[in-house]
Every structure is written in structure tokens, then in C-alpha cells.
């Protein structure tokens, strides 16, 4: 995983860059971090008009 992340009391925030340059966070359980780190590429956020 090429994303920056921060471990916070049992959860991990993964920082996702959007096309417009903003950064948002997604939260995973820290016990799942090794699985996320196995991903070779970067995670990113994709806007969906259906999320409004």
C-alpha cells in the first residue's frame, strides 16, 4: 500500500487522495493493516453522485 496511514487506538486511518487534491480518511481495524499493506498500489477516493 502506497498510502500514508496513522494508527489510532485500535483503528488505522488511511489517507486517500482525491483527483482535486483533497485528502480524506478511511478507517480500518488495525488488525487488518497487514492485509492492506499487501496491496501494491495506492488506495484512492472516488466521488459518486449516489452518496449524496
Protein backbone atom coordinates (compact mmCIF):
# COMPACT_ATOMS: atom_id res chain seq x y z
CA UNK A 1 0.00 0.00 0.00
CA UNK A 2 1.45 3.31 -1.05
CA UNK A 3 -0.87 5.47 1.07
CA UNK A 4 0.14 7.22 4.26
CA UNK A 5 -1.66 5.99 7.36
CA UNK A 6 -1.90 6.66 11.09
CA UNK A 7 -2.61 4.17 13.87
CA UNK A 8 -5.09 5.47 16.46
CA UNK A 9 -6.06 3.33 19.47
CA UNK A 10 -7.02 0.12 17.69
CA UNK A 11 -8.03 1.63 14.37
CA UNK A 12 -5.95 2.83 11.46
CA UNK A 13 -6.76 5.88 9.33
CA UNK A 14 -5.67 5.51 5.71
CA UNK A 15 -5.34 8.82 3.87
CA UNK A 16 -6.91 8.83 0.41
CA UNK A 17 -6.14 11.47 -2.19
CA UNK A 18 -8.88 12.69 -4.49
CA UNK A 19 -8.37 13.99 -8.02
CA UNK A 20 -8.91 17.57 -6.82
CA UNK A 21 -6.01 17.25 -4.36
CA UNK A 22 -8.05 16.96 -1.20
CA UNK A 23 -7.36 14.16 1.24
CA UNK A 24 -9.99 12.13 3.08
CA UNK A 25 -9.66 9.26 5.53
CA UNK A 26 -10.98 5.76 5.62
CA UNK A 27 -10.83 3.76 8.84
CA UNK A 28 -9.91 0.09 9.17
CA UNK A 29 -9.28 -2.11 12.17
CA UNK A 30 -5.55 -2.10 12.93
CA UNK A 31 -5.54 -5.91 12.93
CA UNK A 32 -6.35 -5.68 9.18
CA UNK A 33 -3.41 -3.35 8.43
CA UNK A 34 -1.05 -6.16 7.33
CA UNK A 35 -3.63 -7.21 4.71
CA UNK A 36 -3.95 -3.63 3.47
CA UNK A 37 -0.18 -3.29 3.25
CA UNK A 38 -0.04 -6.29 0.89
CA UNK A 39 -1.79 -4.21 -1.78
CA UNK A 40 0.86 -2.97 -4.20
CA UNK A 41 -0.93 0.11 -5.46
CA UNK A 42 -2.45 3.14 -3.78
CA UNK A 43 -5.98 3.49 -2.48
CA UNK A 44 -7.95 6.49 -3.70
CA UNK A 45 -11.33 8.09 -3.15
CA UNK A 46 -13.86 8.22 -5.95
CA UNK A 47 -16.85 10.54 -5.75
CA UNK A 48 -20.22 9.04 -6.52
CA UNK A 49 -23.31 11.17 -7.02
CA UNK A 50 -25.25 8.33 -5.35
CA UNK A 51 -23.53 9.05 -2.00
CA UNK A 52 -25.28 12.42 -1.52
